């Protein structure tokens, strides 16, 4: 009798053990390689599918703030994607924890949780925008701050400077660096007829963060332009020399014209006399052709006495 009872208990215990082992073996594996990608205050949680599992899985991902009273909030549910974008749910100064699990037809894996993530400290700053404008031998470098997804750059990193590196194209090893620039526009006087390439970083005083480098941008210089005061002095010299020469030329021209076309006027009484009709006839006779004179040669007569 006792052996029979013992046998029954042993069978039941064996069944329970096998059932437990089956349940354990049937449990879904969890996602692996969970990671946070955050650039310019955007935040995306990414993960890899469970290892050695090829079934049709969906995923559930959540987040919560640092406060004890906060509980996890669902953002992505029943998604087959291996990522979830939390950006629009977060605060620029928030501290958050994220978690994700795999699901399939009512079965779920264990949660996989991240470490605390501080938005303004841990996010990566993207590259600034750089524009080059060439003017003679000068190149003006215009820099724009990275564009954040949930805030204005200056609202978080209000003390930031720029590091600028530039070099002649093809001479990347001979780099000139300028660090700690506070202005968004810098004008550099460089060699004429030379092509220069630039790259810029943002450095913040808050958390001493350095941004990703900007794209390499190149621009060519041309012939140097004279400075304004040099141009003004040159114009003054030209005017000081050319004006007297022009006046002198006009004076000589005037004298030549006066010589070739003198302005001589007859006295008034001559003008009246010449306008008289009798005088006019005399003038007409004087102006008519003169008749040929007829004359005979007279020979001298010598007398003896």
Protein backbone atom coordinates (compact mmCIF):
# COMPACT_ATOMS: atom_id res chain seq x y z
CA UNK A 1 0.00 0.00 0.00
CA UNK A 2 2.71 2.44 0.98
CA UNK A 3 4.70 1.60 -2.13
CA UNK A 4 1.64 2.30 -4.27
CA UNK A 5 1.14 5.73 -2.67
CA UNK A 6 4.80 6.49 -3.08
CA UNK A 7 4.65 5.54 -6.74
CA UNK A 8 1.64 7.81 -7.34
CA UNK A 9 3.35 10.75 -5.64
CA UNK A 10 6.51 10.19 -7.65
CA UNK A 11 4.58 10.18 -10.91
CA UNK A 12 2.76 13.39 -10.03
CA UNK A 13 6.01 15.08 -9.03
CA UNK A 14 7.63 13.97 -12.27
CA UNK A 15 4.73 15.37 -14.28
CA UNK A 16 4.90 18.69 -12.51
CA UNK A 17 8.65 18.88 -13.09
CA UNK A 18 8.31 18.07 -16.78
CA UNK A 19 5.51 20.63 -17.14
CA UNK A 20 7.68 23.27 -15.50
CA UNK A 21 10.59 22.42 -17.75
CA UNK A 22 8.32 22.61 -20.81
CA UNK A 23 7.02 26.01 -19.73
CA UNK A 24 10.58 27.25 -19.30
CA UNK A 25 11.62 25.88 -22.67
CA UNK A 26 8.57 27.46 -24.31
CA UNK A 27 9.19 30.97 -22.89
CA UNK A 28 10.09 33.55 -25.56
CA UNK A 29 13.71 34.73 -25.56
CA UNK A 30 14.28 38.42 -25.02
CA UNK A 31 15.53 40.95 -27.59
CA UNK A 32 19.30 41.44 -27.57
CA UNK A 33 21.78 44.27 -28.03
CA UNK A 34 19.36 46.94 -26.85
CA UNK A 35 20.77 50.44 -27.44
CA UNK A 36 19.86 54.12 -27.58
CA UNK A 37 20.64 56.35 -30.54
CA UNK A 38 20.24 60.03 -29.76
CA UNK A 39 21.36 62.86 -32.06
CA UNK A 40 20.36 66.50 -31.58
CA UNK A 41 17.85 65.63 -28.85
CA UNK A 42 16.09 62.99 -30.90
CA UNK A 43 15.96 59.54 -29.29
CA UNK A 44 15.40 56.14 -30.88
CA UNK A 45 15.55 52.83 -29.00
CA UNK A 46 16.95 50.00 -31.12
CA UNK A 47 17.44 46.27 -30.55
CA UNK A 48 18.19 43.01 -32.30
CA UNK A 49 15.75 40.06 -32.46
CA UNK A 50 16.21 37.20 -30.01
CA UNK A 51 19.07 34.93 -30.90
CA UNK A 52 18.26 31.64 -32.63
CA UNK A 53 14.62 32.57 -33.07
CA UNK A 54 12.90 32.85 -36.44
CA UNK A 55 9.22 33.03 -35.44
CA UNK A 56 6.85 35.92 -36.14
CA UNK A 57 7.47 38.22 -33.22
CA UNK A 58 6.17 41.62 -32.26
CA UNK A 59 7.67 44.03 -29.75
CA UNK A 60 6.46 46.33 -27.01
CA UNK A 61 8.65 49.25 -25.87
CA UNK A 62 8.07 51.67 -23.00
CA UNK A 63 9.72 54.51 -21.06
CA UNK A 64 9.50 56.22 -17.68
CA UNK A 65 10.99 59.28 -16.03
CA UNK A 66 13.35 59.27 -13.11
CA UNK A 67 10.70 60.10 -10.51
CA UNK A 68 9.56 57.14 -8.35
CA UNK A 69 5.93 58.08 -8.97
CA UNK A 70 6.36 57.66 -12.71
CA UNK A 71 5.41 54.34 -14.23
CA UNK A 72 6.29 52.95 -17.63
CA UNK A 73 4.39 54.45 -20.57
CA UNK A 74 3.84 52.49 -23.78
CA UNK A 75 5.04 54.14 -27.00
CA UNK A 76 5.37 51.26 -29.49
CA UNK A 77 3.01 48.27 -29.32
CA UNK A 78 2.62 45.21 -31.57
CA UNK A 79 5.32 46.44 -33.92
CA UNK A 80 7.55 44.22 -35.99
CA UNK A 81 10.14 46.99 -36.35
CA UNK A 82 13.38 46.67 -34.41
CA UNK A 83 13.24 50.29 -33.21
CA UNK A 84 10.97 52.82 -31.54
CA UNK A 85 11.17 56.65 -31.74
CA UNK A 86 10.51 58.25 -28.32
CA UNK A 87 11.48 61.83 -29.30
CA UNK A 88 8.10 63.57 -29.09
CA UNK A 89 7.40 62.12 -25.63
CA UNK A 90 10.56 63.45 -23.97
CA UNK A 91 11.70 66.64 -22.26
CA UNK A 92 14.98 68.35 -23.12
CA UNK A 93 16.19 68.12 -19.49
CA UNK A 94 14.58 64.75 -18.70
CA UNK A 95 16.19 61.62 -17.29
CA UNK A 96 14.64 58.41 -18.61
CA UNK A 97 14.79 54.62 -18.59
CA UNK A 98 13.57 52.48 -21.50
CA UNK A 99 12.58 48.83 -21.83
CA UNK A 100 11.49 46.42 -24.56
CA UNK A 101 10.20 42.83 -24.76
CA UNK A 102 9.20 40.33 -27.45
CA UNK A 103 5.63 39.02 -27.80
CA UNK A 104 3.89 36.26 -29.75
CA UNK A 105 0.28 35.06 -29.46
CA UNK A 106 -0.02 35.85 -25.77
CA UNK A 107 3.51 34.75 -24.92
CA UNK A 108 6.02 37.34 -23.79
CA UNK A 109 9.74 37.50 -23.10
CA UNK A 110 11.38 39.11 -20.11
CA UNK A 111 11.84 42.89 -20.25
CA UNK A 112 15.22 44.23 -21.26
CA UNK A 113 15.90 47.58 -19.63
CA UNK A 114 18.40 50.37 -20.40
CA UNK A 115 20.43 52.46 -18.04
CA UNK A 116 19.30 56.00 -17.20
CA UNK A 117 19.66 58.40 -20.09
CA UNK A 118 20.09 62.16 -19.47
CA UNK A 119 18.84 63.98 -22.54
CA UNK A 120 20.97 67.16 -22.59
CA UNK A 121 24.09 65.36 -21.38
CA UNK A 122 24.07 62.11 -23.33
CA UNK A 123 22.64 63.21 -26.66
CA UNK A 124 25.13 63.59 -29.51
CA UNK A 125 25.36 66.98 -31.20
CA UNK A 126 25.24 66.83 -34.96
CA UNK A 127 27.52 68.90 -37.20
CA UNK A 128 27.06 72.64 -37.70
CA UNK A 129 26.23 74.05 -41.13
CA UNK A 130 29.07 75.92 -42.86
CA UNK A 131 28.84 78.38 -45.78
CA UNK A 132 31.85 79.96 -47.51
CA UNK A 133 31.83 83.24 -49.47
CA UNK A 134 34.95 84.36 -51.36
CA UNK A 135 35.76 88.05 -51.87
CA UNK A 136 39.15 88.65 -53.42
CA UNK A 137 41.77 87.09 -51.17
CA UNK A 138 39.29 86.93 -48.27
CA UNK A 139 36.98 84.03 -47.38
CA UNK A 140 34.03 84.61 -45.06
CA UNK A 141 33.07 81.55 -42.99
CA UNK A 142 29.42 81.55 -41.84
CA UNK A 143 28.46 78.95 -39.19
CA UNK A 144 24.99 77.84 -38.07
CA UNK A 145 24.32 75.89 -34.86
CA UNK A 146 23.06 72.30 -35.06
CA UNK A 147 19.26 72.09 -35.25
CA UNK A 148 17.80 70.24 -32.26
CA UNK A 149 14.59 68.22 -32.55
CA UNK A 150 12.86 69.22 -29.30
CA UNK A 151 14.45 72.56 -28.43
CA UNK A 152 16.39 75.54 -29.71
CA UNK A 153 20.15 75.07 -29.46
CA UNK A 154 20.73 78.27 -27.46
CA UNK A 155 18.08 77.31 -24.91
CA UNK A 156 20.25 74.43 -23.73
CA UNK A 157 23.81 75.22 -24.80
CA UNK A 158 23.87 79.00 -24.45
CA UNK A 159 27.66 79.08 -24.03
CA UNK A 160 29.16 77.45 -27.10
CA UNK A 161 32.18 78.19 -29.28
CA UNK A 162 33.49 76.94 -32.61
CA UNK A 163 36.70 75.22 -33.59
CA UNK A 164 37.69 75.90 -37.20
CA UNK A 165 40.27 73.94 -39.19
CA UNK A 166 41.33 74.89 -42.72
CA UNK A 167 44.02 73.90 -45.20
CA UNK A 168 45.02 74.31 -48.83
CA UNK A 169 43.29 71.73 -50.98
CA UNK A 170 45.55 68.72 -51.36
CA UNK A 171 47.59 69.64 -48.26
CA UNK A 172 45.43 68.06 -45.54
CA UNK A 173 48.45 67.45 -43.30
CA UNK A 174 49.20 71.19 -43.07
CA UNK A 175 46.12 72.19 -41.09
CA UNK A 176 45.64 75.57 -39.44
CA UNK A 177 43.34 75.51 -36.40
CA UNK A 178 41.44 78.28 -34.67
CA UNK A 179 39.74 77.29 -31.40
CA UNK A 180 37.27 79.05 -29.13
CA UNK A 181 35.69 81.28 -31.79
CA UNK A 182 32.53 82.91 -30.42
CA UNK A 183 31.29 84.59 -33.62
CA UNK A 184 29.13 82.89 -36.22
CA UNK A 185 30.96 84.71 -39.01
CA UNK A 186 34.73 84.84 -39.46
CA UNK A 187 36.64 86.58 -42.28
CA UNK A 188 40.10 85.20 -43.12
CA UNK A 189 42.66 86.94 -45.33
CA UNK A 190 44.42 84.19 -47.28
CA UNK A 191 46.68 83.69 -50.28
CA UNK A 192 45.46 84.81 -53.69
CA UNK A 193 44.34 82.33 -56.35
CA UNK A 194 44.31 79.42 -53.87
CA UNK A 195 41.61 76.88 -52.97
CA UNK A 196 41.02 76.31 -49.25
CA UNK A 197 38.97 73.65 -47.43
CA UNK A 198 37.24 74.13 -44.05
CA UNK A 199 35.80 71.94 -41.30
CA UNK A 200 34.05 73.18 -38.14
CA UNK A 201 33.06 71.73 -34.73
CA UNK A 202 30.81 73.09 -31.99
CA UNK A 203 32.10 72.92 -28.41
CA UNK A 204 29.68 73.55 -25.53
CA UNK A 205 30.56 74.78 -22.08
CA UNK A 206 27.70 72.68 -20.69
CA UNK A 207 29.03 69.12 -20.23
CA UNK A 208 32.02 70.08 -22.46
CA UNK A 209 30.38 68.44 -25.44
CA UNK A 210 31.93 68.50 -28.91
CA UNK A 211 29.72 68.10 -31.94
CA UNK A 212 30.28 65.91 -34.93
CA UNK A 213 32.48 67.66 -37.54
CA UNK A 214 30.87 69.52 -40.40
CA UNK A 215 31.26 68.38 -43.96
CA UNK A 216 34.50 69.53 -45.60
CA UNK A 217 33.65 72.64 -47.64
CA UNK A 218 36.08 74.26 -50.11
CA UNK A 219 36.27 77.67 -51.77
CA UNK A 220 38.82 79.52 -53.95
CA UNK A 221 40.30 82.95 -53.42
CA UNK A 222 40.96 85.44 -56.23
CA UNK A 223 43.12 88.53 -56.67
CA UNK A 224 43.30 90.70 -53.57
CA UNK A 225 41.22 93.84 -53.67
CA UNK A 226 42.67 97.18 -52.62
CA UNK A 227 41.63 98.40 -49.24
CA UNK A 228 39.16 101.32 -49.20
CA UNK A 229 41.67 103.93 -48.01
CA UNK A 230 44.15 102.85 -50.69
CA UNK A 231 41.48 103.18 -53.34
CA UNK A 232 40.47 106.61 -52.02
CA UNK A 233 44.08 107.81 -52.03
CA UNK A 234 44.55 106.53 -55.57
CA UNK A 235 41.42 108.33 -56.77
CA UNK A 236 42.60 111.55 -55.13
CA UNK A 237 45.98 111.35 -56.86
CA UNK A 238 44.35 110.66 -60.21
CA UNK A 239 41.98 113.59 -59.81
CA UNK A 240 44.78 115.92 -58.64
CA UNK A 241 46.80 115.15 -61.77
CA UNK A 242 44.03 114.83 -64.35
CA UNK A 243 41.99 117.95 -63.52
CA UNK A 244 44.84 120.47 -64.13
CA UNK A 245 45.75 118.63 -67.32
CA UNK A 246 42.18 118.83 -68.60
CA UNK A 247 41.95 122.55 -67.76
CA UNK A 248 45.27 123.23 -69.47
CA UNK A 249 44.16 121.31 -72.57
CA UNK A 250 40.94 123.31 -72.79
CA UNK A 251 42.89 126.57 -72.45
CA UNK A 252 45.23 125.69 -75.31
CA UNK A 253 42.28 124.65 -77.49
CA UNK A 254 40.58 127.94 -76.75
CA UNK A 255 43.64 129.94 -77.75
CA UNK A 256 44.03 128.04 -81.01
CA UNK A 257 40.37 128.65 -81.89
CA UNK A 258 40.70 132.36 -81.08
CA UNK A 259 43.75 132.57 -83.32
CA UNK A 260 42.08 130.85 -86.26
CA UNK A 261 38.76 132.67 -85.88
CA UNK A 262 39.41 136.11 -84.39
CA UNK A 263 36.41 138.06 -83.19
CA UNK A 264 37.16 141.56 -84.83
CA UNK A 265 34.33 144.08 -85.07
CA UNK A 266 34.29 147.27 -87.22
CA UNK A 267 33.66 150.55 -85.45
CA UNK A 268 30.10 151.74 -85.48
CA UNK A 269 30.52 154.71 -87.95
CA UNK A 270 32.19 152.35 -90.49
CA UNK A 271 29.24 150.02 -90.28
CA UNK A 272 26.78 152.91 -90.90
CA UNK A 273 28.83 154.22 -93.81
CA UNK A 274 29.02 150.85 -95.46
CA UNK A 275 25.27 150.42 -95.17
CA UNK A 276 24.62 153.72 -97.04
CA UNK A 277 23.18 153.13 -100.60
CA UNK A 278 25.84 155.23 -102.29
CA UNK A 279 28.54 153.44 -100.45
CA UNK A 280 26.89 150.20 -101.37
CA UNK A 281 27.12 151.12 -105.10
CA UNK A 282 30.74 152.07 -104.74
CA UNK A 283 31.39 148.77 -103.04
CA UNK A 284 29.57 147.01 -105.82
CA UNK A 285 31.74 148.74 -108.40
CA UNK A 286 34.82 147.94 -106.44
CA UNK A 287 33.78 144.33 -106.23
CA UNK A 288 32.97 144.11 -110.02
CA UNK A 289 35.69 142.97 -112.44
CA UNK A 290 38.00 145.85 -113.52
CA UNK A 291 38.32 146.54 -117.34
CA UNK A 292 41.66 146.03 -118.98
CA UNK A 293 43.63 149.27 -119.34
CA UNK A 294 44.75 150.33 -122.84
CA UNK A 295 47.96 152.23 -123.07
CA UNK A 296 50.59 153.16 -125.69
CA UNK A 297 54.27 153.29 -125.14
CA UNK A 298 55.66 156.83 -125.38
CA UNK A 299 59.18 157.11 -126.62
CA UNK A 300 61.27 160.11 -125.47
CA UNK A 301 62.27 162.71 -128.09
CA UNK A 302 65.78 164.10 -127.86
CA UNK A 303 66.43 167.63 -129.24
CA UNK A 304 69.74 169.15 -129.91
CA UNK A 305 70.14 172.69 -129.11
